[in-house]
Amino acid sequence: MPNQKKRRADIRDAVVRMRGEAVRRRCEVIRKRYEVIRKRGEVPVLISQALILFSQALSLFSQAYIIGDETPGR
């Protein structure tokens, strides 16, 4: 039984890490777009992309918090 609980916790941790990696990859994409947008001078598009990224990051952190709350013993 303890091994099963540890396994579930490990799976939850892996899910949080994968979501974190997805947000990091998204950050990299937006950073590259920023370089192109900055060269063109299209600031409103950049602001829109930054808001989307911020929204995704908040979602990730709230999911990680919920998963952490559901993990027994934490």
PDB file of N, CA and C in Angstrom:
ATOM      1  N   MET A   1       0.811  -1.208   0.000  1.00  0.00           N
ATOM      2  CA  MET A   1       0.000   0.000   0.000  1.00  0.00           C
ATOM      3  C   MET A   1       0.854   1.274   0.000  1.00  0.00           C
ATOM      4  N   PRO A   2       1.908   1.349   0.831  1.00  0.00           N
ATOM      5  CA  PRO A   2       2.747   2.563   0.785  1.00  0.00           C
ATOM      6  C   PRO A   2       3.387   2.774  -0.588  1.00  0.00           C
ATOM      7  N   ASN A   3       3.744   1.657  -1.253  1.00  0.00           N
ATOM      8  CA  ASN A   3       4.343   1.795  -2.588  1.00  0.00           C
ATOM      9  C   ASN A   3       3.350   2.382  -3.578  1.00  0.00           C
ATOM     10  N   GLN A   4       2.078   2.001  -3.420  1.00  0.00           N
ATOM     11  CA  GLN A   4       1.049   2.522  -4.310  1.00  0.00           C
ATOM     12  C   GLN A   4       0.857   4.026  -4.096  1.00  0.00           C
ATOM     13  N   LYS A   5       0.879   4.468  -2.854  1.00  0.00           N
ATOM     14  CA  LYS A   5       0.743   5.900  -2.563  1.00  0.00           C
ATOM     15  C   LYS A   5       1.927   6.674  -3.129  1.00  0.00           C
ATOM     16  N   LYS A   6       3.126   6.100  -2.970  1.00  0.00           N
ATOM     17  CA  LYS A   6       4.324   6.757  -3.507  1.00  0.00           C
ATOM     18  C   LYS A   6       4.241   6.824  -5.032  1.00  0.00           C
ATOM     19  N   ARG A   7       3.760   5.746  -5.635  1.00  0.00           N
ATOM     20  CA  ARG A   7       3.647   5.713  -7.084  1.00  0.00           C
ATOM     21  C   ARG A   7       2.675   6.790  -7.580  1.00  0.00           C
ATOM     22  N   ARG A   8       1.548   6.932  -6.890  1.00  0.00           N
ATOM     23  CA  ARG A   8       0.582   7.970  -7.268  1.00  0.00           C
ATOM     24  C   ARG A   8       1.192   9.362  -7.121  1.00  0.00           C
ATOM     25  N   ALA A   9       1.915   9.560  -6.034  1.00  0.00           N
ATOM     26  CA  ALA A   9       2.571  10.858  -5.820  1.00  0.00           C
ATOM     27  C   ALA A   9       3.606  11.114  -6.916  1.00  0.00           C
ATOM     28  N   ASP A  10       4.354  10.072  -7.290  1.00  0.00           N
ATOM     29  CA  ASP A  10       5.347  10.216  -8.358  1.00  0.00           C
ATOM     30  C   ASP A  10       4.681  10.567  -9.685  1.00  0.00           C
ATOM     31  N   ILE A  11       3.532   9.934  -9.947  1.00  0.00           N
ATOM     32  CA  ILE A  11       2.809  10.224 -11.187  1.00  0.00           C
ATOM     33  C   ILE A  11       2.321  11.670 -11.186  1.00  0.00           C
ATOM     34  N   ARG A  12       1.771  12.110 -10.066  1.00  0.00           N
ATOM     35  CA  ARG A  12       1.307  13.502  -9.969  1.00  0.00           C
ATOM     36  C   ARG A  12       2.467  14.475 -10.154  1.00  0.00           C
ATOM     37  N   ASP A  13       3.600  14.160  -9.539  1.00  0.00           N
ATOM     38  CA  ASP A  13       4.776  15.021  -9.698  1.00  0.00           C
ATOM     39  C   ASP A  13       5.219  15.072 -11.157  1.00  0.00           C
ATOM     40  N   ALA A  14       5.166  13.913 -11.826  1.00  0.00           N
ATOM     41  CA  ALA A  14       5.556  13.861 -13.236  1.00  0.00           C
ATOM     42  C   ALA A  14       4.612  14.700 -14.095  1.00  0.00           C
ATOM     43  N   VAL A  15       3.318  14.648 -13.781  1.00  0.00           N
ATOM     44  CA  VAL A  15       2.342  15.447 -14.531  1.00  0.00           C
ATOM     45  C   VAL A  15       2.632  16.934 -14.360  1.00  0.00           C
ATOM     46  N   VAL A  16       2.912  17.342 -13.131  1.00  0.00           N
ATOM     47  CA  VAL A  16       3.228  18.756 -12.871  1.00  0.00           C
ATOM     48  C   VAL A  16       4.493  19.156 -13.627  1.00  0.00           C
ATOM     49  N   ARG A  17       5.505  18.280 -13.627  1.00  0.00           N
ATOM     50  CA  ARG A  17       6.747  18.585 -14.358  1.00  0.00           C
ATOM     51  C   ARG A  17       6.484  18.714 -15.855  1.00  0.00           C
ATOM     52  N   MET A  18       5.665  17.795 -16.410  1.00  0.00           N
ATOM     53  CA  MET A  18       5.371  17.851 -17.844  1.00  0.00           C
ATOM     54  C   MET A  18       4.638  19.139 -18.195  1.00  0.00           C
ATOM     55  N   ARG A  19       3.703  19.542 -17.351  1.00  0.00           N
ATOM     56  CA  ARG A  19       2.986  20.793 -17.605  1.00  0.00           C
ATOM     57  C   ARG A  19       3.933  21.981 -17.498  1.00  0.00           C
ATOM     58  N   GLY A  20       4.851  21.909 -16.567  1.00  0.00           N
ATOM     59  CA  GLY A  20       5.856  22.964 -16.438  1.00  0.00           C
ATOM     60  C   GLY A  20       6.720  23.062 -17.681  1.00  0.00           C
ATOM     61  N   GLU A  21       7.106  21.893 -18.214  1.00  0.00           N
ATOM     62  CA  GLU A  21       7.902  21.879 -19.444  1.00  0.00           C
ATOM     63  C   GLU A  21       7.108  22.473 -20.603  1.00  0.00           C
ATOM     64  N   ALA A  22       5.817  22.179 -20.654  1.00  0.00           N
ATOM     65  CA  ALA A  22       4.978  22.727 -21.724  1.00  0.00           C
ATOM     66  C   ALA A  22       4.936  24.248 -21.641  1.00  0.00           C
ATOM     67  N   VAL A  23       4.816  24.776 -20.439  1.00  0.00           N
ATOM     68  CA  VAL A  23       4.802  26.234 -20.278  1.00  0.00           C
ATOM     69  C   VAL A  23       6.159  26.817 -20.649  1.00  0.00           C
ATOM     70  N   ARG A  24       7.243  26.138 -20.272  1.00  0.00           N
ATOM     71  CA  ARG A  24       8.581  26.630 -20.638  1.00  0.00           C
ATOM     72  C   ARG A  24       8.766  26.650 -22.158  1.00  0.00           C
ATOM     73  N   ARG A  25       8.279  25.590 -22.828  1.00  0.00           N
ATOM     74  CA  ARG A  25       8.375  25.574 -24.295  1.00  0.00           C
ATOM     75  C   ARG A  25       7.559  26.715 -24.895  1.00  0.00           C
ATOM     76  N   ARG A  26       6.383  26.938 -24.322  1.00  0.00           N
ATOM     77  CA  ARG A  26       5.529  28.035 -24.801  1.00  0.00           C
ATOM     78  C   ARG A  26       6.225  29.383 -24.593  1.00  0.00           C
ATOM     79  N   CYS A  27       6.901  29.527 -23.461  1.00  0.00           N
ATOM     80  CA  CYS A  27       7.662  30.756 -23.198  1.00  0.00           C
ATOM     81  C   CYS A  27       8.721  30.967 -24.273  1.00  0.00           C
ATOM     82  N   GLU A  28       9.381  29.894 -24.649  1.00  0.00           N
ATOM     83  CA  GLU A  28      10.431  29.989 -25.665  1.00  0.00           C
ATOM     84  C   GLU A  28       9.842  30.416 -27.013  1.00  0.00           C
ATOM     85  N   VAL A  29       8.695  29.851 -27.365  1.00  0.00           N
ATOM     86  CA  VAL A  29       8.032  30.230 -28.616  1.00  0.00           C
ATOM     87  C   VAL A  29       7.676  31.711 -28.591  1.00  0.00           C
ATOM     88  N   ILE A  30       7.114  32.155 -27.481  1.00  0.00           N
ATOM     89  CA  ILE A  30       6.719  33.562 -27.375  1.00  0.00           C
ATOM     90  C   ILE A  30       7.945  34.466 -27.381  1.00  0.00           C
ATOM     91  N   ARG A  31       9.038  34.018 -26.749  1.00  0.00           N
ATOM     92  CA  ARG A  31      10.262  34.824 -26.768  1.00  0.00           C
ATOM     93  C   ARG A  31      10.763  35.003 -28.198  1.00  0.00           C
ATOM     94  N   LYS A  32      10.715  33.925 -28.988  1.00  0.00           N
ATOM     95  CA  LYS A  32      11.147  34.015 -30.387  1.00  0.00           C
ATOM     96  C   LYS A  32      10.220  34.933 -31.183  1.00  0.00           C
ATOM     97  N   ARG A  33       8.915  34.811 -30.920  1.00  0.00           N
ATOM     98  CA  ARG A  33       7.967  35.698 -31.599  1.00  0.00           C
ATOM     99  C   ARG A  33       8.224  37.148 -31.208  1.00  0.00           C
ATOM    100  N   TYR A  34       8.564  37.342 -29.937  1.00  0.00           N
ATOM    101  CA  TYR A  34       8.855  38.694 -29.452  1.00  0.00           C
ATOM    102  C   TYR A  34       9.963  39.328 -30.277  1.00  0.00           C
ATOM    103  N   GLU A  35      11.000  38.562 -30.553  1.00  0.00           N
ATOM    104  CA  GLU A  35      12.118  39.105 -31.335  1.00  0.00           C
ATOM    105  C   GLU A  35      11.641  39.567 -32.710  1.00  0.00           C
ATOM    106  N   VAL A  36      10.801  38.752 -33.352  1.00  0.00           N
ATOM    107  CA  VAL A  36      10.291  39.115 -34.678  1.00  0.00           C
ATOM    108  C   VAL A  36       9.372  40.329 -34.578  1.00  0.00           C
ATOM    109  N   ILE A  37       8.479  40.300 -33.590  1.00  0.00           N
ATOM    110  CA  ILE A  37       7.515  41.398 -33.412  1.00  0.00           C
ATOM    111  C   ILE A  37       8.230  42.700 -33.078  1.00  0.00           C
ATOM    112  N   ARG A  38       9.234  42.599 -32.218  1.00  0.00           N
ATOM    113  CA  ARG A  38       9.983  43.798 -31.818  1.00  0.00           C
ATOM    114  C   ARG A  38      10.648  44.438 -33.033  1.00  0.00           C
ATOM    115  N   LYS A  39      11.172  43.608 -33.911  1.00  0.00           N
ATOM    116  CA  LYS A  39      11.822  44.135 -35.113  1.00  0.00           C
ATOM    117  C   LYS A  39      10.823  44.830 -36.026  1.00  0.00           C
ATOM    118  N   ARG A  40       9.574  44.340 -36.027  1.00  0.00           N
ATOM    119  CA  ARG A  40       8.527  44.952 -36.856  1.00  0.00           C
ATOM    120  C   ARG A  40       7.872  46.144 -36.167  1.00  0.00           C
ATOM    121  N   GLY A  41       7.984  46.206 -34.852  1.00  0.00           N
ATOM    122  CA  GLY A  41       7.362  47.292 -34.105  1.00  0.00           C
ATOM    123  C   GLY A  41       5.893  47.070 -33.795  1.00  0.00           C
ATOM    124  N   GLU A  42       5.448  45.803 -33.747  1.00  0.00           N
ATOM    125  CA  GLU A  42       4.041  45.477 -33.492  1.00  0.00           C
ATOM    126  C   GLU A  42       3.822  45.210 -32.002  1.00  0.00           C
ATOM    127  N   VAL A  43       3.841  46.234 -31.208  1.00  0.00           N
ATOM    128  CA  VAL A  43       3.732  46.095 -29.752  1.00  0.00           C
ATOM    129  C   VAL A  43       2.400  45.495 -29.294  1.00  0.00           C
ATOM    130  N   PRO A  44       1.237  45.876 -29.849  1.00  0.00           N
ATOM    131  CA  PRO A  44      -0.026  45.295 -29.369  1.00  0.00           C
ATOM    132  C   PRO A  44      -0.068  43.767 -29.460  1.00  0.00           C
ATOM    133  N   VAL A  45       0.515  43.203 -30.505  1.00  0.00           N
ATOM    134  CA  VAL A  45       0.564  41.749 -30.642  1.00  0.00           C
ATOM    135  C   VAL A  45       1.402  41.156 -29.520  1.00  0.00           C
ATOM    136  N   LEU A  46       2.489  41.795 -29.189  1.00  0.00           N
ATOM    137  CA  LEU A  46       3.357  41.325 -28.114  1.00  0.00           C
ATOM    138  C   LEU A  46       2.618  41.315 -26.779  1.00  0.00           C
ATOM    139  N   ILE A  47       1.867  42.363 -26.503  1.00  0.00           N
ATOM    140  CA  ILE A  47       1.110  42.435 -25.253  1.00  0.00           C
ATOM    141  C   ILE A  47       0.086  41.307 -25.199  1.00  0.00           C
ATOM    142  N   SER A  48      -0.582  41.047 -26.296  1.00  0.00           N
ATOM    143  CA  SER A  48      -1.564  39.968 -26.366  1.00  0.00           C
ATOM    144  C   SER A  48      -0.909  38.622 -26.074  1.00  0.00           C
ATOM    145  N   GLN A  49       0.246  38.371 -26.670  1.00  0.00           N
ATOM    146  CA  GLN A  49       0.963  37.113 -26.439  1.00  0.00           C
ATOM    147  C   GLN A  49       1.394  36.989 -24.982  1.00  0.00           C
ATOM    148  N   ALA A  50       1.830  38.083 -24.385  1.00  0.00           N
ATOM    149  CA  ALA A  50       2.255  38.059 -22.982  1.00  0.00           C
ATOM    150  C   ALA A  50       1.077  37.728 -22.070  1.00  0.00           C
ATOM    151  N   LEU A  51      -0.097  38.268 -22.365  1.00  0.00           N
ATOM    152  CA  LEU A  51      -1.283  37.971 -21.562  1.00  0.00           C
ATOM    153  C   LEU A  51      -1.681  36.500 -21.680  1.00  0.00           C
ATOM    154  N   ILE A  52      -1.572  35.944 -22.866  1.00  0.00           N
ATOM    155  CA  ILE A  52      -1.872  34.521 -23.060  1.00  0.00           C
ATOM    156  C   ILE A  52      -0.909  33.673 -22.242  1.00  0.00           C
ATOM    157  N   LEU A  53       0.371  33.991 -22.291  1.00  0.00           N
ATOM    158  CA  LEU A  53       1.370  33.237 -21.534  1.00  0.00           C
ATOM    159  C   LEU A  53       1.111  33.337 -20.036  1.00  0.00           C
ATOM    160  N   PHE A  54       0.797  34.517 -19.557  1.00  0.00           N
ATOM    161  CA  PHE A  54       0.515  34.712 -18.137  1.00  0.00           C
ATOM    162  C   PHE A  54      -0.683  33.870 -17.709  1.00  0.00           C
ATOM    163  N   SER A  55      -1.707  33.834 -18.536  1.00  0.00           N
ATOM    164  CA  SER A  55      -2.896  33.031 -18.251  1.00  0.00           C
ATOM    165  C   SER A  55      -2.539  31.550 -18.171  1.00  0.00           C
ATOM    166  N   GLN A  56      -1.703  31.074 -19.088  1.00  0.00           N
ATOM    167  CA  GLN A  56      -1.290  29.673 -19.076  1.00  0.00           C
ATOM    168  C   GLN A  56      -0.472  29.358 -17.831  1.00  0.00           C
ATOM    169  N   ALA A  57       0.392  30.267 -17.435  1.00  0.00           N
ATOM    170  CA  ALA A  57       1.211  30.046 -16.238  1.00  0.00           C
ATOM    171  C   ALA A  57       0.333  29.979 -14.991  1.00  0.00           C
ATOM    172  N   LEU A  58      -0.656  30.863 -14.878  1.00  0.00           N
ATOM    173  CA  LEU A  58      -1.570  30.815 -13.735  1.00  0.00           C
ATOM    174  C   LEU A  58      -2.325  29.499 -13.688  1.00  0.00           C
ATOM    175  N   SER A  59      -2.745  29.030 -14.840  1.00  0.00           N
ATOM    176  CA  SER A  59      -3.456  27.752 -14.908  1.00  0.00           C
ATOM    177  C   SER A  59      -2.557  26.613 -14.435  1.00  0.00           C
ATOM    178  N   LEU A  60      -1.306  26.610 -14.889  1.00  0.00           N
ATOM    179  CA  LEU A  60      -0.360  25.573 -14.475  1.00  0.00           C
ATOM    180  C   LEU A  60      -0.159  25.584 -12.970  1.00  0.00           C
ATOM    181  N   PHE A  61       0.061  26.759 -12.404  1.00  0.00           N
ATOM    182  CA  PHE A  61       0.313  26.838 -10.967  1.00  0.00           C
ATOM    183  C   PHE A  61      -0.911  26.435 -10.160  1.00  0.00           C
ATOM    184  N   SER A  62      -2.105  26.787 -10.638  1.00  0.00           N
ATOM    185  CA  SER A  62      -3.310  26.386  -9.904  1.00  0.00           C
ATOM    186  C   SER A  62      -3.501  24.880  -9.980  1.00  0.00           C
ATOM    187  N   GLN A  63      -3.196  24.272 -11.127  1.00  0.00           N
ATOM    188  CA  GLN A  63      -3.292  22.815 -11.250  1.00  0.00           C
ATOM    189  C   GLN A  63      -2.276  22.139 -10.346  1.00  0.00           C
ATOM    190  N   ALA A  64      -1.071  22.670 -10.291  1.00  0.00           N
ATOM    191  CA  ALA A  64      -0.038  22.096  -9.423  1.00  0.00           C
ATOM    192  C   ALA A  64      -0.457  22.199  -7.962  1.00  0.00           C
ATOM    193  N   TYR A  65      -1.080  23.298  -7.589  1.00  0.00           N
ATOM    194  CA  TYR A  65      -1.539  23.487  -6.211  1.00  0.00           C
ATOM    195  C   TYR A  65      -2.638  22.486  -5.878  1.00  0.00           C
ATOM    196  N   ILE A  66      -3.584  22.304  -6.806  1.00  0.00           N
ATOM    197  CA  ILE A  66      -4.668  21.348  -6.583  1.00  0.00           C
ATOM    198  C   ILE A  66      -4.109  19.939  -6.461  1.00  0.00           C
ATOM    199  N   ILE A  67      -3.194  19.565  -7.352  1.00  0.00           N
ATOM    200  CA  ILE A  67      -2.590  18.233  -7.291  1.00  0.00           C
ATOM    201  C   ILE A  67      -1.850  18.062  -5.977  1.00  0.00           C
ATOM    202  N   GLY A  68      -1.129  19.090  -5.542  1.00  0.00           N
ATOM    203  CA  GLY A  68      -0.412  19.020  -4.267  1.00  0.00           C
ATOM    204  C   GLY A  68      -1.359  18.844  -3.102  1.00  0.00           C
ATOM    205  N   ASP A  69      -2.517  19.500  -3.151  1.00  0.00           N
ATOM    206  CA  ASP A  69      -3.514  19.365  -2.084  1.00  0.00           C
ATOM    207  C   ASP A  69      -4.119  17.975  -2.051  1.00  0.00           C
ATOM    208  N   GLU A  70      -4.239  17.334  -3.214  1.00  0.00           N
ATOM    209  CA  GLU A  70      -4.850  16.012  -3.277  1.00  0.00           C
ATOM    210  C   GLU A  70      -3.882  14.908  -2.882  1.00  0.00           C
ATOM    211  N   THR A  71      -2.596  15.217  -2.842  1.00  0.00           N
ATOM    212  CA  THR A  71      -1.600  14.208  -2.506  1.00  0.00           C
ATOM    213  C   THR A  71      -1.616  13.966  -1.001  1.00  0.00           C
ATOM    214  N   PRO A  72      -1.880  12.718  -0.577  1.00  0.00           N
ATOM    215  CA  PRO A  72      -1.916  12.434   0.864  1.00  0.00           C
ATOM    216  C   PRO A  72      -0.551  12.656   1.517  1.00  0.00           C
ATOM    217  N   GLY A  73      -0.569  13.173   2.708  1.00  0.00           N
ATOM    218  CA  GLY A  73       0.672  13.322   3.469  1.00  0.00           C
ATOM    219  C   GLY A  73       1.462  14.562   3.144  1.00  0.00           C
ATOM    220  N   ARG A  74       0.912  15.456   2.356  1.00  0.00           N
ATOM    221  CA  ARG A  74       1.652  16.684   2.023  1.00  0.00           C
ATOM    222  C   ARG A  74       1.013  17.854   2.670  1.00  0.00           C
TER     223      ARG A  74
END
